[in-house]
């Protein structure tokens, strides 16, 4: 058994018995005398366990003497691998979104850190071994996340002040939040917008103010949400579904063939090693950006309007450098 399990077994044996002999501990824990001594020292020094050896009774016991710091093993029980996984997740979340739910997660994090210290790793060493690079994240500080998450789970409506970047204006919306979405290092909430009476996706970093309403949220099924928000490419919604056919040269084929651009994408290799990818989309902006970043390594085969748009953008880029 791992070190964490041994600590809990030592604690259980002491609480169930008035006195526990050294031989009983070594037999129950299947460890050497030296390992048991180290475990005992850790419990005493780090967790304030009032464990004393009673010479008259010939064993160890929990004393009833008064303590300045109460003794109690952490109330959450996980094995070592589970603790390691949870602390790794906490480290990932802290790096992806610093401060997100920080005050709420702090008590749990402290318990997890205590648990991990019982084992063979330190919480700090875990953080030093995980690194997240947020290249396109806009939403490092989201003041409304907790309110939106609460509304999603409690099925309550929200009144939000939402900044529309494309029009440079702030609008007032009443929404029924359906689900939280983490996409390309940014948070969104998929919701039923009562103003437009339709499904929309709202970037949380564009929510200026939020008020939790005492109204029950209107529910929409996953299929309804995906029909509008999941049908096309990226985060943009729409019902006019089109298919883009992209041809990547042999140089990029190996890389792009391993990527998922859309759950419903289609693909195949041509005889010359080129890779053809077909993806559905409803609006151009996000797909256009992803196509342009591949430069001369990709060609839009269809539809003609997307091919023309990419060509036009490339010409604009060239003209910048030809001035």
C-alpha atoms as a PDB file:
ATOM      1  CA  UNK A   1       0.000   0.000   0.000  1.00  0.00           C
ATOM      2  CA  UNK A   2       1.164   3.577  -0.591  1.00  0.00           C
ATOM      3  CA  UNK A   3       2.102   6.046   2.127  1.00  0.00           C
ATOM      4  CA  UNK A   4      -1.266   7.806   2.211  1.00  0.00           C
ATOM      5  CA  UNK A   5      -3.106   4.526   2.794  1.00  0.00           C
ATOM      6  CA  UNK A   6      -0.662   3.606   5.581  1.00  0.00           C
ATOM      7  CA  UNK A   7      -1.380   6.861   7.435  1.00  0.00           C
ATOM      8  CA  UNK A   8      -5.103   6.196   7.398  1.00  0.00           C
ATOM      9  CA  UNK A   9      -4.598   2.609   8.505  1.00  0.00           C
ATOM     10  CA  UNK A  10      -2.363   3.712  11.405  1.00  0.00           C
ATOM     11  CA  UNK A  11      -5.016   6.222  12.435  1.00  0.00           C
ATOM     12  CA  UNK A  12      -7.814   3.628  12.203  1.00  0.00           C
ATOM     13  CA  UNK A  13      -5.905   1.031  14.246  1.00  0.00           C
ATOM     14  CA  UNK A  14      -5.206   3.558  17.000  1.00  0.00           C
ATOM     15  CA  UNK A  15      -8.822   4.696  17.164  1.00  0.00           C
ATOM     16  CA  UNK A  16     -10.207   1.167  17.196  1.00  0.00           C
ATOM     17  CA  UNK A  17      -7.822  -0.132  19.858  1.00  0.00           C
ATOM     18  CA  UNK A  18      -6.665   1.227  23.202  1.00  0.00           C
ATOM     19  CA  UNK A  19      -3.101   0.154  22.460  1.00  0.00           C
ATOM     20  CA  UNK A  20      -1.452  -1.169  19.279  1.00  0.00           C
ATOM     21  CA  UNK A  21       1.833  -3.069  19.477  1.00  0.00           C
ATOM     22  CA  UNK A  22       4.737  -2.453  17.095  1.00  0.00           C
ATOM     23  CA  UNK A  23       4.424  -6.011  15.790  1.00  0.00           C
ATOM     24  CA  UNK A  24       0.747  -5.435  14.931  1.00  0.00           C
ATOM     25  CA  UNK A  25       1.594  -2.289  12.985  1.00  0.00           C
ATOM     26  CA  UNK A  26       4.391  -3.987  11.044  1.00  0.00           C
ATOM     27  CA  UNK A  27       2.150  -6.946  10.226  1.00  0.00           C
ATOM     28  CA  UNK A  28      -0.883  -4.861   9.210  1.00  0.00           C
ATOM     29  CA  UNK A  29       1.133  -2.352   7.168  1.00  0.00           C
ATOM     30  CA  UNK A  30       3.620  -4.826   5.672  1.00  0.00           C
ATOM     31  CA  UNK A  31       6.512  -2.405   6.144  1.00  0.00           C
ATOM     32  CA  UNK A  32       9.880  -2.407   7.846  1.00  0.00           C
ATOM     33  CA  UNK A  33      10.490  -0.992  11.310  1.00  0.00           C
ATOM     34  CA  UNK A  34      12.383   1.957   9.776  1.00  0.00           C
ATOM     35  CA  UNK A  35       9.492   2.812   7.408  1.00  0.00           C
ATOM     36  CA  UNK A  36       6.986   2.690  10.251  1.00  0.00           C
ATOM     37  CA  UNK A  37       9.184   4.977  12.350  1.00  0.00           C
ATOM     38  CA  UNK A  38       9.320   7.506   9.499  1.00  0.00           C
ATOM     39  CA  UNK A  39       5.540   7.348   9.100  1.00  0.00           C
ATOM     40  CA  UNK A  40       5.077   7.849  12.821  1.00  0.00           C
ATOM     41  CA  UNK A  41       7.436  10.803  12.852  1.00  0.00           C
ATOM     42  CA  UNK A  42       5.570  12.447   9.975  1.00  0.00           C
ATOM     43  CA  UNK A  43       2.193  11.987  11.670  1.00  0.00           C
ATOM     44  CA  UNK A  44       3.516  13.523  14.875  1.00  0.00           C
ATOM     45  CA  UNK A  45       5.504  16.405  13.399  1.00  0.00           C
ATOM     46  CA  UNK A  46       3.449  17.403  10.375  1.00  0.00           C
ATOM     47  CA  UNK A  47      -0.120  16.422  11.336  1.00  0.00           C
ATOM     48  CA  UNK A  48       0.123  16.899  15.100  1.00  0.00           C
ATOM     49  CA  UNK A  49      -0.937  13.311  15.828  1.00  0.00           C
ATOM     50  CA  UNK A  50      -0.789  12.728  19.635  1.00  0.00           C
ATOM     51  CA  UNK A  51       0.710   9.242  19.317  1.00  0.00           C
ATOM     52  CA  UNK A  52       2.785   8.081  22.297  1.00  0.00           C
ATOM     53  CA  UNK A  53       4.442   4.816  23.223  1.00  0.00           C
ATOM     54  CA  UNK A  54       3.140   3.364  26.508  1.00  0.00           C
ATOM     55  CA  UNK A  55       5.857   1.226  28.086  1.00  0.00           C
ATOM     56  CA  UNK A  56       3.540  -0.246  30.684  1.00  0.00           C
ATOM     57  CA  UNK A  57       1.053  -1.449  28.062  1.00  0.00           C
ATOM     58  CA  UNK A  58       3.705  -2.279  25.481  1.00  0.00           C
ATOM     59  CA  UNK A  59       2.301  -0.399  22.536  1.00  0.00           C
ATOM     60  CA  UNK A  60       1.279   2.857  20.909  1.00  0.00           C
ATOM     61  CA  UNK A  61      -1.808   4.849  21.801  1.00  0.00           C
ATOM     62  CA  UNK A  62      -3.519   8.159  21.077  1.00  0.00           C
ATOM     63  CA  UNK A  63      -3.106  10.366  24.120  1.00  0.00           C
ATOM     64  CA  UNK A  64      -5.899  12.489  25.545  1.00  0.00           C
ATOM     65  CA  UNK A  65      -3.622  15.347  26.565  1.00  0.00           C
ATOM     66  CA  UNK A  66      -4.667  18.846  25.494  1.00  0.00           C
ATOM     67  CA  UNK A  67      -3.247  20.118  22.206  1.00  0.00           C
ATOM     68  CA  UNK A  68      -2.891  23.641  20.911  1.00  0.00           C
ATOM     69  CA  UNK A  69      -3.494  22.374  17.368  1.00  0.00           C
ATOM     70  CA  UNK A  70      -6.227  19.722  17.009  1.00  0.00           C
ATOM     71  CA  UNK A  71      -5.319  16.469  15.323  1.00  0.00           C
ATOM     72  CA  UNK A  72      -7.359  15.189  12.409  1.00  0.00           C
ATOM     73  CA  UNK A  73      -6.404  13.522   9.172  1.00  0.00           C
ATOM     74  CA  UNK A  74      -7.762  15.277   6.080  1.00  0.00           C
ATOM     75  CA  UNK A  75     -11.436  14.472   5.642  1.00  0.00           C
ATOM     76  CA  UNK A  76     -11.168  13.591   1.959  1.00  0.00           C
ATOM     77  CA  UNK A  77      -9.725  10.186   1.136  1.00  0.00           C
ATOM     78  CA  UNK A  78      -7.992   9.556  -2.171  1.00  0.00           C
ATOM     79  CA  UNK A  79      -5.212   7.221  -3.102  1.00  0.00           C
ATOM     80  CA  UNK A  80      -1.878   8.643  -4.202  1.00  0.00           C
ATOM     81  CA  UNK A  81      -2.555   8.563  -7.945  1.00  0.00           C
ATOM     82  CA  UNK A  82      -5.952  10.253  -7.489  1.00  0.00           C
ATOM     83  CA  UNK A  83      -4.430  13.018  -5.356  1.00  0.00           C
ATOM     84  CA  UNK A  84      -1.718  13.517  -7.951  1.00  0.00           C
ATOM     85  CA  UNK A  85      -4.324  13.773 -10.711  1.00  0.00           C
ATOM     86  CA  UNK A  86      -6.463  16.258  -8.754  1.00  0.00           C
ATOM     87  CA  UNK A  87      -3.547  18.512  -7.908  1.00  0.00           C
ATOM     88  CA  UNK A  88      -2.420  18.379 -11.525  1.00  0.00           C
ATOM     89  CA  UNK A  89      -5.909  19.498 -12.564  1.00  0.00           C
ATOM     90  CA  UNK A  90      -5.782  22.329 -10.018  1.00  0.00           C
ATOM     91  CA  UNK A  91      -2.435  23.419 -11.402  1.00  0.00           C
ATOM     92  CA  UNK A  92      -3.788  23.361 -14.951  1.00  0.00           C
ATOM     93  CA  UNK A  93      -6.828  25.424 -13.962  1.00  0.00           C
ATOM     94  CA  UNK A  94      -4.709  27.937 -12.061  1.00  0.00           C
ATOM     95  CA  UNK A  95      -2.480  28.462 -15.086  1.00  0.00           C
ATOM     96  CA  UNK A  96      -5.295  28.544 -17.646  1.00  0.00           C
ATOM     97  CA  UNK A  97      -7.420  30.989 -15.686  1.00  0.00           C
ATOM     98  CA  UNK A  98      -5.590  32.635 -12.747  1.00  0.00           C
ATOM     99  CA  UNK A  99      -8.017  33.569  -9.993  1.00  0.00           C
ATOM    100  CA  UNK A 100     -10.940  31.671 -11.511  1.00  0.00           C
ATOM    101  CA  UNK A 101     -12.965  30.325  -8.566  1.00  0.00           C
ATOM    102  CA  UNK A 102      -9.839  30.856  -6.506  1.00  0.00           C
ATOM    103  CA  UNK A 103     -11.591  31.697  -3.251  1.00  0.00           C
ATOM    104  CA  UNK A 104     -13.962  28.759  -3.630  1.00  0.00           C
ATOM    105  CA  UNK A 105     -11.271  26.245  -4.476  1.00  0.00           C
ATOM    106  CA  UNK A 106      -8.774  27.376  -1.838  1.00  0.00           C
ATOM    107  CA  UNK A 107     -10.130  25.175   1.024  1.00  0.00           C
ATOM    108  CA  UNK A 108     -10.166  22.130  -1.248  1.00  0.00           C
ATOM    109  CA  UNK A 109      -6.701  22.951  -2.549  1.00  0.00           C
ATOM    110  CA  UNK A 110      -5.336  23.145   1.003  1.00  0.00           C
ATOM    111  CA  UNK A 111      -6.749  19.700   1.791  1.00  0.00           C
ATOM    112  CA  UNK A 112      -5.322  18.278  -1.413  1.00  0.00           C
ATOM    113  CA  UNK A 113      -1.922  19.768  -0.660  1.00  0.00           C
ATOM    114  CA  UNK A 114      -1.985  18.193   2.784  1.00  0.00           C
ATOM    115  CA  UNK A 115      -2.895  14.854   1.259  1.00  0.00           C
ATOM    116  CA  UNK A 116      -0.197  14.983  -1.393  1.00  0.00           C
ATOM    117  CA  UNK A 117       2.401  15.809   1.258  1.00  0.00           C
ATOM    118  CA  UNK A 118       1.495  12.521   2.917  1.00  0.00           C
ATOM    119  CA  UNK A 119       2.893  10.751  -0.111  1.00  0.00           C
ATOM    120  CA  UNK A 120       6.064  10.901  -2.110  1.00  0.00           C
ATOM    121  CA  UNK A 121       5.419  14.172  -3.989  1.00  0.00           C
ATOM    122  CA  UNK A 122       5.104  17.808  -3.038  1.00  0.00           C
ATOM    123  CA  UNK A 123       2.436  20.167  -4.323  1.00  0.00           C
ATOM    124  CA  UNK A 124       5.109  22.628  -5.439  1.00  0.00           C
ATOM    125  CA  UNK A 125       6.969  19.991  -7.429  1.00  0.00           C
ATOM    126  CA  UNK A 126       3.773  19.184  -9.321  1.00  0.00           C
ATOM    127  CA  UNK A 127       3.247  22.822 -10.265  1.00  0.00           C
ATOM    128  CA  UNK A 128       6.834  23.124 -11.433  1.00  0.00           C
ATOM    129  CA  UNK A 129       6.337  20.134 -13.741  1.00  0.00           C
ATOM    130  CA  UNK A 130       3.245  21.511 -15.519  1.00  0.00           C
ATOM    131  CA  UNK A 131       3.372  24.505 -17.812  1.00  0.00           C
ATOM    132  CA  UNK A 132       0.504  26.026 -19.793  1.00  0.00           C
ATOM    133  CA  UNK A 133       1.077  28.554 -22.581  1.00  0.00           C
ATOM    134  CA  UNK A 134      -2.017  30.683 -23.207  1.00  0.00           C
ATOM    135  CA  UNK A 135      -1.320  32.110 -26.622  1.00  0.00           C
ATOM    136  CA  UNK A 136      -4.762  33.377 -27.591  1.00  0.00           C
ATOM    137  CA  UNK A 137      -6.509  33.821 -24.278  1.00  0.00           C
ATOM    138  CA  UNK A 138      -8.449  37.040 -23.729  1.00  0.00           C
ATOM    139  CA  UNK A 139     -10.158  36.065 -20.506  1.00  0.00           C
ATOM    140  CA  UNK A 140      -7.540  35.806 -17.763  1.00  0.00           C
ATOM    141  CA  UNK A 141      -9.776  37.655 -15.301  1.00  0.00           C
ATOM    142  CA  UNK A 142     -13.481  36.902 -15.590  1.00  0.00           C
ATOM    143  CA  UNK A 143     -15.442  38.622 -12.839  1.00  0.00           C
ATOM    144  CA  UNK A 144     -18.741  37.027 -13.866  1.00  0.00           C
ATOM    145  CA  UNK A 145     -17.667  33.375 -14.076  1.00  0.00           C
ATOM    146  CA  UNK A 146     -19.036  32.331 -10.697  1.00  0.00           C
ATOM    147  CA  UNK A 147     -22.437  33.963 -11.299  1.00  0.00           C
ATOM    148  CA  UNK A 148     -22.764  32.426 -14.750  1.00  0.00           C
ATOM    149  CA  UNK A 149     -21.694  28.991 -13.514  1.00  0.00           C
ATOM    150  CA  UNK A 150     -24.234  29.212 -10.681  1.00  0.00           C
ATOM    151  CA  UNK A 151     -26.992  30.140 -13.127  1.00  0.00           C
ATOM    152  CA  UNK A 152     -26.069  27.246 -15.431  1.00  0.00           C
ATOM    153  CA  UNK A 153     -26.246  24.733 -12.583  1.00  0.00           C
ATOM    154  CA  UNK A 154     -29.271  26.186 -10.772  1.00  0.00           C
ATOM    155  CA  UNK A 155     -31.206  26.713 -14.035  1.00  0.00           C
ATOM    156  CA  UNK A 156     -31.757  30.432 -13.429  1.00  0.00           C
ATOM    157  CA  UNK A 157     -31.925  33.292 -15.897  1.00  0.00           C
ATOM    158  CA  UNK A 158     -29.388  36.091 -16.094  1.00  0.00           C
ATOM    159  CA  UNK A 159     -29.605  39.751 -16.985  1.00  0.00           C
ATOM    160  CA  UNK A 160     -26.341  40.735 -18.666  1.00  0.00           C
ATOM    161  CA  UNK A 161     -24.737  43.830 -20.140  1.00  0.00           C
ATOM    162  CA  UNK A 162     -22.911  42.459 -23.167  1.00  0.00           C
ATOM    163  CA  UNK A 163     -20.320  44.279 -25.252  1.00  0.00           C
ATOM    164  CA  UNK A 164     -20.634  43.479 -28.959  1.00  0.00           C
ATOM    165  CA  UNK A 165     -17.132  43.964 -30.353  1.00  0.00           C
ATOM    166  CA  UNK A 166     -18.123  44.002 -34.022  1.00  0.00           C
ATOM    167  CA  UNK A 167     -20.486  46.944 -33.436  1.00  0.00           C
ATOM    168  CA  UNK A 168     -18.541  48.524 -30.568  1.00  0.00           C
ATOM    169  CA  UNK A 169     -21.682  48.805 -28.457  1.00  0.00           C
ATOM    170  CA  UNK A 170     -23.082  47.505 -25.202  1.00  0.00           C
ATOM    171  CA  UNK A 171     -26.419  45.702 -25.209  1.00  0.00           C
ATOM    172  CA  UNK A 172     -28.732  44.512 -22.461  1.00  0.00           C
ATOM    173  CA  UNK A 173     -29.834  40.882 -22.660  1.00  0.00           C
ATOM    174  CA  UNK A 174     -31.910  38.458 -20.636  1.00  0.00           C
ATOM    175  CA  UNK A 175     -30.585  34.953 -21.197  1.00  0.00           C
ATOM    176  CA  UNK A 176     -31.256  31.404 -20.093  1.00  0.00           C
ATOM    177  CA  UNK A 177     -27.742  29.886 -19.812  1.00  0.00           C
ATOM    178  CA  UNK A 178     -27.476  26.313 -21.032  1.00  0.00           C
ATOM    179  CA  UNK A 179     -23.806  25.299 -20.776  1.00  0.00           C
ATOM    180  CA  UNK A 180     -20.300  26.649 -20.261  1.00  0.00           C
ATOM    181  CA  UNK A 181     -17.802  26.206 -23.093  1.00  0.00           C
ATOM    182  CA  UNK A 182     -14.002  26.496 -22.941  1.00  0.00           C
ATOM    183  CA  UNK A 183     -12.795  27.122 -26.474  1.00  0.00           C
ATOM    184  CA  UNK A 184      -9.366  28.232 -27.657  1.00  0.00           C
ATOM    185  CA  UNK A 185      -8.317  29.446 -24.204  1.00  0.00           C
ATOM    186  CA  UNK A 186     -11.489  31.481 -23.680  1.00  0.00           C
ATOM    187  CA  UNK A 187     -14.779  30.915 -21.841  1.00  0.00           C
ATOM    188  CA  UNK A 188     -18.227  31.158 -23.426  1.00  0.00           C
ATOM    189  CA  UNK A 189     -21.769  30.484 -22.287  1.00  0.00           C
ATOM    190  CA  UNK A 190     -24.238  28.951 -24.712  1.00  0.00           C
ATOM    191  CA  UNK A 191     -27.661  30.383 -23.929  1.00  0.00           C
ATOM    192  CA  UNK A 192     -31.189  31.071 -25.090  1.00  0.00           C
ATOM    193  CA  UNK A 193     -31.347  34.810 -25.711  1.00  0.00           C
ATOM    194  CA  UNK A 194     -34.820  36.140 -24.895  1.00  0.00           C
ATOM    195  CA  UNK A 195     -34.195  39.348 -26.837  1.00  0.00           C
ATOM    196  CA  UNK A 196     -33.677  37.621 -30.194  1.00  0.00           C
ATOM    197  CA  UNK A 197     -35.561  34.458 -29.201  1.00  0.00           C
ATOM    198  CA  UNK A 198     -32.778  32.213 -30.341  1.00  0.00           C
ATOM    199  CA  UNK A 199     -29.684  30.272 -29.289  1.00  0.00           C
ATOM    200  CA  UNK A 200     -26.541  32.370 -29.003  1.00  0.00           C
ATOM    201  CA  UNK A 201     -23.024  32.040 -27.591  1.00  0.00           C
ATOM    202  CA  UNK A 202     -21.644  34.819 -25.366  1.00  0.00           C
ATOM    203  CA  UNK A 203     -17.950  35.380 -24.565  1.00  0.00           C
ATOM    204  CA  UNK A 204     -17.632  35.776 -20.795  1.00  0.00           C
ATOM    205  CA  UNK A 205     -14.874  38.365 -21.080  1.00  0.00           C
ATOM    206  CA  UNK A 206     -17.358  40.581 -22.982  1.00  0.00           C
ATOM    207  CA  UNK A 207     -19.961  40.416 -20.192  1.00  0.00           C
ATOM    208  CA  UNK A 208     -19.704  43.776 -18.405  1.00  0.00           C
ATOM    209  CA  UNK A 209     -22.377  43.255 -15.731  1.00  0.00           C
ATOM    210  CA  UNK A 210     -24.420  40.268 -14.653  1.00  0.00           C
ATOM    211  CA  UNK A 211     -27.458  39.898 -12.388  1.00  0.00           C
ATOM    212  CA  UNK A 212     -28.946  36.588 -11.273  1.00  0.00           C
ATOM    213  CA  UNK A 213     -32.712  36.687 -11.794  1.00  0.00           C
ATOM    214  CA  UNK A 214     -35.377  34.869  -9.821  1.00  0.00           C
ATOM    215  CA  UNK A 215     -36.746  33.322 -12.982  1.00  0.00           C
ATOM    216  CA  UNK A 216     -36.501  29.738 -14.135  1.00  0.00           C
ATOM    217  CA  UNK A 217     -34.323  29.321 -17.211  1.00  0.00           C
ATOM    218  CA  UNK A 218     -35.814  28.082 -20.460  1.00  0.00           C
ATOM    219  CA  UNK A 219     -34.238  24.718 -21.277  1.00  0.00           C
ATOM    220  CA  UNK A 220     -32.983  23.714 -24.705  1.00  0.00           C
ATOM    221  CA  UNK A 221     -31.793  20.229 -25.631  1.00  0.00           C
ATOM    222  CA  UNK A 222     -28.219  19.430 -26.562  1.00  0.00           C
ATOM    223  CA  UNK A 223     -29.358  18.677 -30.112  1.00  0.00           C
ATOM    224  CA  UNK A 224     -30.983  22.118 -30.391  1.00  0.00           C
ATOM    225  CA  UNK A 225     -27.801  23.808 -29.179  1.00  0.00           C
ATOM    226  CA  UNK A 226     -25.564  21.779 -31.475  1.00  0.00           C
ATOM    227  CA  UNK A 227     -27.827  22.393 -34.464  1.00  0.00           C
ATOM    228  CA  UNK A 228     -27.085  26.113 -34.199  1.00  0.00           C
ATOM    229  CA  UNK A 229     -23.736  26.294 -32.385  1.00  0.00           C
ATOM    230  CA  UNK A 230     -22.123  23.002 -33.310  1.00  0.00           C
ATOM    231  CA  UNK A 231     -23.117  22.612 -36.937  1.00  0.00           C
ATOM    232  CA  UNK A 232     -20.543  24.974 -38.393  1.00  0.00           C
ATOM    233  CA  UNK A 233     -16.885  25.689 -37.870  1.00  0.00           C
ATOM    234  CA  UNK A 234     -15.715  27.336 -34.642  1.00  0.00           C
ATOM    235  CA  UNK A 235     -17.727  29.353 -32.192  1.00  0.00           C
ATOM    236  CA  UNK A 236     -19.888  31.214 -34.701  1.00  0.00           C
ATOM    237  CA  UNK A 237     -23.558  30.271 -34.964  1.00  0.00           C
ATOM    238  CA  UNK A 238     -25.807  30.088 -37.973  1.00  0.00           C
ATOM    239  CA  UNK A 239     -28.200  27.914 -39.958  1.00  0.00           C
ATOM    240  CA  UNK A 240     -26.830  28.420 -43.490  1.00  0.00           C
ATOM    241  CA  UNK A 241     -24.478  25.440 -43.518  1.00  0.00           C
ATOM    242  CA  UNK A 242     -21.760  25.248 -46.173  1.00  0.00           C
ATOM    243  CA  UNK A 243     -18.811  22.924 -46.731  1.00  0.00           C
ATOM    244  CA  UNK A 244     -15.252  24.090 -47.297  1.00  0.00           C
ATOM    245  CA  UNK A 245     -12.848  21.819 -49.187  1.00  0.00           C
ATOM    246  CA  UNK A 246      -9.194  22.528 -48.379  1.00  0.00           C
ATOM    247  CA  UNK A 247      -6.159  20.953 -50.000  1.00  0.00           C
ATOM    248  CA  UNK A 248      -2.920  20.873 -47.986  1.00  0.00           C
ATOM    249  CA  UNK A 249       0.355  20.131 -49.723  1.00  0.00           C
ATOM    250  CA  UNK A 250       2.540  17.177 -48.775  1.00  0.00           C
ATOM    251  CA  UNK A 251       4.621  19.377 -46.480  1.00  0.00           C
ATOM    252  CA  UNK A 252       1.641  20.061 -44.192  1.00  0.00           C
ATOM    253  CA  UNK A 253      -0.361  16.902 -44.798  1.00  0.00           C
ATOM    254  CA  UNK A 254       1.160  14.904 -41.940  1.00  0.00           C
ATOM    255  CA  UNK A 255       0.405  17.645 -39.398  1.00  0.00           C
ATOM    256  CA  UNK A 256      -3.107  18.576 -40.510  1.00  0.00           C
ATOM    257  CA  UNK A 257      -4.185  14.951 -40.894  1.00  0.00           C
ATOM    258  CA  UNK A 258      -3.750  14.558 -37.110  1.00  0.00           C
ATOM    259  CA  UNK A 259      -5.913  17.592 -36.279  1.00  0.00           C
ATOM    260  CA  UNK A 260      -9.628  17.771 -35.663  1.00  0.00           C
ATOM    261  CA  UNK A 261     -11.080  20.923 -37.140  1.00  0.00           C
ATOM    262  CA  UNK A 262     -14.692  19.802 -36.701  1.00  0.00           C
ATOM    263  CA  UNK A 263     -16.405  16.640 -35.331  1.00  0.00           C
ATOM    264  CA  UNK A 264     -18.086  16.046 -38.708  1.00  0.00           C
ATOM    265  CA  UNK A 265     -15.063  16.695 -40.913  1.00  0.00           C
ATOM    266  CA  UNK A 266     -14.220  14.451 -43.854  1.00  0.00           C
ATOM    267  CA  UNK A 267     -10.763  13.835 -45.302  1.00  0.00           C
ATOM    268  CA  UNK A 268      -8.664  11.783 -47.666  1.00  0.00           C
ATOM    269  CA  UNK A 269      -5.163  11.626 -49.190  1.00  0.00           C
ATOM    270  CA  UNK A 270      -4.519  12.187 -52.875  1.00  0.00           C
ATOM    271  CA  UNK A 271      -2.041  10.119 -54.874  1.00  0.00           C
ATOM    272  CA  UNK A 272       0.638  12.836 -54.703  1.00  0.00           C
ATOM    273  CA  UNK A 273       0.524  12.899 -50.881  1.00  0.00           C
ATOM    274  CA  UNK A 274      -1.653  16.006 -50.604  1.00  0.00           C
ATOM    275  CA  UNK A 275      -4.291  15.968 -47.866  1.00  0.00           C
ATOM    276  CA  UNK A 276      -7.865  17.101 -48.593  1.00  0.00           C
ATOM    277  CA  UNK A 277      -9.993  18.235 -45.674  1.00  0.00           C
ATOM    278  CA  UNK A 278     -13.717  19.034 -45.791  1.00  0.00           C
ATOM    279  CA  UNK A 279     -15.260  21.006 -42.922  1.00  0.00           C
ATOM    280  CA  UNK A 280     -18.732  22.486 -42.423  1.00  0.00           C
ATOM    281  CA  UNK A 281     -19.090  26.187 -41.618  1.00  0.00           C
ATOM    282  CA  UNK A 282     -21.817  28.784 -41.291  1.00  0.00           C
ATOM    283  CA  UNK A 283     -19.745  31.975 -41.091  1.00  0.00           C
ATOM    284  CA  UNK A 284     -16.329  32.713 -42.574  1.00  0.00           C
ATOM    285  CA  UNK A 285     -14.311  34.718 -39.968  1.00  0.00           C
ATOM    286  CA  UNK A 286     -12.782  31.950 -37.873  1.00  0.00           C
ATOM    287  CA  UNK A 287     -12.284  29.490 -40.714  1.00  0.00           C
ATOM    288  CA  UNK A 288     -10.713  32.263 -42.783  1.00  0.00           C
ATOM    289  CA  UNK A 289      -8.129  32.984 -40.065  1.00  0.00           C
ATOM    290  CA  UNK A 290      -7.183  29.320 -39.796  1.00  0.00           C
ATOM    291  CA  UNK A 291      -6.794  28.979 -43.554  1.00  0.00           C
ATOM    292  CA  UNK A 292      -4.647  32.093 -43.891  1.00  0.00           C
ATOM    293  CA  UNK A 293      -2.163  30.976 -41.250  1.00  0.00           C
ATOM    294  CA  UNK A 294      -1.071  28.131 -43.554  1.00  0.00           C
ATOM    295  CA  UNK A 295      -0.171  30.544 -46.356  1.00  0.00           C
ATOM    296  CA  UNK A 296       0.942  28.810 -49.546  1.00  0.00           C
ATOM    297  CA  UNK A 297       0.629  25.338 -47.977  1.00  0.00           C
ATOM    298  CA  UNK A 298      -3.161  25.252 -48.433  1.00  0.00           C
ATOM    299  CA  UNK A 299      -5.555  25.883 -51.314  1.00  0.00           C
ATOM    300  CA  UNK A 300      -9.308  26.413 -51.007  1.00  0.00           C
ATOM    301  CA  UNK A 301     -10.954  24.208 -53.636  1.00  0.00           C
ATOM    302  CA  UNK A 302     -14.543  25.146 -52.793  1.00  0.00           C
ATOM    303  CA  UNK A 303     -16.902  26.894 -52.390  1.00  0.00           C
ATOM    304  CA  UNK A 304     -16.002  29.647 -54.897  1.00  0.00           C
ATOM    305  CA  UNK A 305     -16.972  32.495 -52.542  1.00  0.00           C
ATOM    306  CA  UNK A 306     -14.597  31.262 -49.823  1.00  0.00           C
ATOM    307  CA  UNK A 307     -11.836  30.747 -52.384  1.00  0.00           C
ATOM    308  CA  UNK A 308     -12.332  34.331 -53.615  1.00  0.00           C
ATOM    309  CA  UNK A 309     -12.339  35.693 -50.069  1.00  0.00           C
ATOM    310  CA  UNK A 310      -9.046  33.983 -49.210  1.00  0.00           C
ATOM    311  CA  UNK A 311      -7.508  35.196 -52.468  1.00  0.00           C
ATOM    312  CA  UNK A 312      -8.648  38.754 -51.739  1.00  0.00           C
ATOM    313  CA  UNK A 313      -7.150  38.699 -48.234  1.00  0.00           C
ATOM    314  CA  UNK A 314      -3.825  37.375 -49.534  1.00  0.00           C
ATOM    315  CA  UNK A 315      -3.671  40.115 -52.151  1.00  0.00           C
ATOM    316  CA  UNK A 316      -4.270  42.715 -49.419  1.00  0.00           C
ATOM    317  CA  UNK A 317      -1.404  41.230 -47.424  1.00  0.00           C
ATOM    318  CA  UNK A 318       0.948  41.374 -50.409  1.00  0.00           C
ATOM    319  CA  UNK A 319      -0.045  44.978 -51.108  1.00  0.00           C
ATOM    320  CA  UNK A 320       0.983  45.961 -47.576  1.00  0.00           C
ATOM    321  CA  UNK A 321       4.537  44.837 -48.289  1.00  0.00           C
ATOM    322  CA  UNK A 322       4.638  46.296 -51.806  1.00  0.00           C
ATOM    323  CA  UNK A 323       4.094  49.862 -50.676  1.00  0.00           C
END
